Amino acid sequence: MLVIIKSLINVIIAILSILVFLDSLLSYFVSEQNGFRRFMGKILNPIYQPIRRLIPPLAGIDFTPLIAIILLQVLDAILIALLSLIG
């Protein structure tokens, strides 16, 4: 059972990381008014907002996606380690 939970956590974190990467890449080419970008915004803004409150864009460069990916990977490692301790 724990193997399934670990795999599910890994998949969810991987999907979120890919969405963050795609969102940052698409921000150069596609308007925020695009339907797909708005959909991704609904998913990613809850992750982005706390980071942006702590670290606003510096000199016009938004490091939020980079920080979000790092935090997602750290969260993944912590959750997997905690689950490993349980079982």
C-alpha atoms as a PDB file:
ATOM      1  CA  MET A   1       0.000   0.000   0.000  1.00  0.00           C
ATOM      2  CA  LEU A   2       2.808   2.402   0.849  1.00  0.00           C
ATOM      3  CA  VAL A   3       4.456   1.686  -2.491  1.00  0.00           C
ATOM      4  CA  ILE A   4       1.317   2.874  -4.256  1.00  0.00           C
ATOM      5  CA  ILE A   5       1.167   6.028  -2.125  1.00  0.00           C
ATOM      6  CA  LYS A   6       4.851   6.758  -2.780  1.00  0.00           C
ATOM      7  CA  SER A   7       4.343   6.278  -6.509  1.00  0.00           C
ATOM      8  CA  LEU A   8       1.282   8.523  -6.467  1.00  0.00           C
ATOM      9  CA  ILE A   9       3.221  11.263  -4.648  1.00  0.00           C
ATOM     10  CA  ASN A  10       6.067  10.980  -7.164  1.00  0.00           C
ATOM     11  CA  VAL A  11       3.659  11.221 -10.104  1.00  0.00           C
ATOM     12  CA  ILE A  12       1.786  14.229  -8.680  1.00  0.00           C
ATOM     13  CA  ILE A  13       5.026  16.095  -7.914  1.00  0.00           C
ATOM     14  CA  ALA A  14       6.389  15.267 -11.370  1.00  0.00           C
ATOM     15  CA  ILE A  15       3.219  16.514 -13.082  1.00  0.00           C
ATOM     16  CA  LEU A  16       3.254  19.735 -11.048  1.00  0.00           C
ATOM     17  CA  SER A  17       6.942  20.273 -11.853  1.00  0.00           C
ATOM     18  CA  ILE A  18       6.276  19.779 -15.562  1.00  0.00           C
ATOM     19  CA  LEU A  19       3.344  22.207 -15.409  1.00  0.00           C
ATOM     20  CA  VAL A  20       5.518  24.823 -13.698  1.00  0.00           C
ATOM     21  CA  PHE A  21       8.169  24.378 -16.395  1.00  0.00           C
ATOM     22  CA  LEU A  22       5.578  24.572 -19.194  1.00  0.00           C
ATOM     23  CA  ASP A  23       3.983  27.647 -17.654  1.00  0.00           C
ATOM     24  CA  SER A  24       7.308  29.450 -17.427  1.00  0.00           C
ATOM     25  CA  LEU A  25       8.204  28.454 -20.989  1.00  0.00           C
ATOM     26  CA  LEU A  26       4.818  29.434 -22.407  1.00  0.00           C
ATOM     27  CA  SER A  27       4.950  32.794 -20.634  1.00  0.00           C
ATOM     28  CA  TYR A  28       7.431  33.913 -23.310  1.00  0.00           C
ATOM     29  CA  PHE A  29       5.213  32.952 -26.235  1.00  0.00           C
ATOM     30  CA  VAL A  30       1.545  32.806 -25.175  1.00  0.00           C
ATOM     31  CA  SER A  31      -0.632  35.489 -23.594  1.00  0.00           C
ATOM     32  CA  GLU A  32      -1.961  35.006 -20.076  1.00  0.00           C
ATOM     33  CA  GLN A  33      -5.439  35.315 -21.595  1.00  0.00           C
ATOM     34  CA  ASN A  34      -4.959  32.007 -23.438  1.00  0.00           C
ATOM     35  CA  GLY A  35      -7.321  29.305 -22.157  1.00  0.00           C
ATOM     36  CA  PHE A  36      -4.580  26.782 -21.445  1.00  0.00           C
ATOM     37  CA  ARG A  37      -2.492  29.366 -19.558  1.00  0.00           C
ATOM     38  CA  ARG A  38      -5.556  30.364 -17.490  1.00  0.00           C
ATOM     39  CA  PHE A  39      -6.180  26.701 -16.690  1.00  0.00           C
ATOM     40  CA  MET A  40      -2.565  26.240 -15.595  1.00  0.00           C
ATOM     41  CA  GLY A  41      -2.816  29.452 -13.584  1.00  0.00           C
ATOM     42  CA  LYS A  42      -5.721  28.011 -11.607  1.00  0.00           C
ATOM     43  CA  ILE A  43      -3.579  25.022 -10.738  1.00  0.00           C
ATOM     44  CA  LEU A  44      -0.275  26.824 -10.153  1.00  0.00           C
ATOM     45  CA  ASN A  45      -1.291  30.124  -8.528  1.00  0.00           C
ATOM     46  CA  PRO A  46      -1.850  28.479  -5.125  1.00  0.00           C
ATOM     47  CA  ILE A  47       1.786  27.369  -5.343  1.00  0.00           C
ATOM     48  CA  TYR A  48       3.092  30.656  -6.767  1.00  0.00           C
ATOM     49  CA  GLN A  49       1.331  33.161  -4.493  1.00  0.00           C
ATOM     50  CA  PRO A  50       3.060  32.325  -1.182  1.00  0.00           C
ATOM     51  CA  ILE A  51       6.427  32.312  -2.932  1.00  0.00           C
ATOM     52  CA  ARG A  52       5.761  35.670  -4.609  1.00  0.00           C
ATOM     53  CA  ARG A  53       4.782  37.193  -1.253  1.00  0.00           C
ATOM     54  CA  LEU A  54       8.135  36.154   0.213  1.00  0.00           C
ATOM     55  CA  ILE A  55      10.323  36.781  -2.839  1.00  0.00           C
ATOM     56  CA  PRO A  56       8.958  39.325  -5.318  1.00  0.00           C
ATOM     57  CA  PRO A  57      10.443  39.555  -8.830  1.00  0.00           C
ATOM     58  CA  LEU A  58      13.958  41.004  -8.708  1.00  0.00           C
ATOM     59  CA  ALA A  59      14.957  43.448 -11.453  1.00  0.00           C
ATOM     60  CA  GLY A  60      12.062  42.212 -13.595  1.00  0.00           C
ATOM     61  CA  ILE A  61      13.045  38.548 -13.260  1.00  0.00           C
ATOM     62  CA  ASP A  62      10.530  36.243 -11.591  1.00  0.00           C
ATOM     63  CA  PHE A  63      12.274  33.372  -9.836  1.00  0.00           C
ATOM     64  CA  THR A  64       8.980  31.902  -8.619  1.00  0.00           C
ATOM     65  CA  PRO A  65       8.905  28.927 -11.052  1.00  0.00           C
ATOM     66  CA  LEU A  66      12.476  27.939 -10.168  1.00  0.00           C
ATOM     67  CA  ILE A  67      11.774  28.173  -6.444  1.00  0.00           C
ATOM     68  CA  ALA A  68       8.488  26.281  -6.900  1.00  0.00           C
ATOM     69  CA  ILE A  69      10.237  23.386  -8.649  1.00  0.00           C
ATOM     70  CA  ILE A  70      12.910  23.233  -5.947  1.00  0.00           C
ATOM     71  CA  LEU A  71      10.280  23.288  -3.178  1.00  0.00           C
ATOM     72  CA  LEU A  72       8.231  20.606  -4.926  1.00  0.00           C
ATOM     73  CA  GLN A  73      11.292  18.349  -5.125  1.00  0.00           C
ATOM     74  CA  VAL A  74      12.108  18.974  -1.451  1.00  0.00           C
ATOM     75  CA  LEU A  75       8.494  18.224  -0.509  1.00  0.00           C
ATOM     76  CA  ASP A  76       8.666  15.001  -2.520  1.00  0.00           C
ATOM     77  CA  ALA A  77      11.839  13.901  -0.739  1.00  0.00           C
ATOM     78  CA  ILE A  78      10.399  14.733   2.698  1.00  0.00           C
ATOM     79  CA  LEU A  79       7.113  12.910   2.086  1.00  0.00           C
ATOM     80  CA  ILE A  80       8.844   9.831   0.695  1.00  0.00           C
ATOM     81  CA  ALA A  81      11.260   9.779   3.665  1.00  0.00           C
ATOM     82  CA  LEU A  82       8.370  10.061   6.122  1.00  0.00           C
ATOM     83  CA  LEU A  83       6.504   7.253   4.387  1.00  0.00           C
ATOM     84  CA  SER A  84       9.661   5.126   4.463  1.00  0.00           C
ATOM     85  CA  LEU A  85       9.850   5.603   8.239  1.00  0.00           C
ATOM     86  CA  ILE A  86       6.260   4.416   8.619  1.00  0.00           C
ATOM     87  CA  GLY A  87       6.677   1.241   6.678  1.00  0.00           C
END
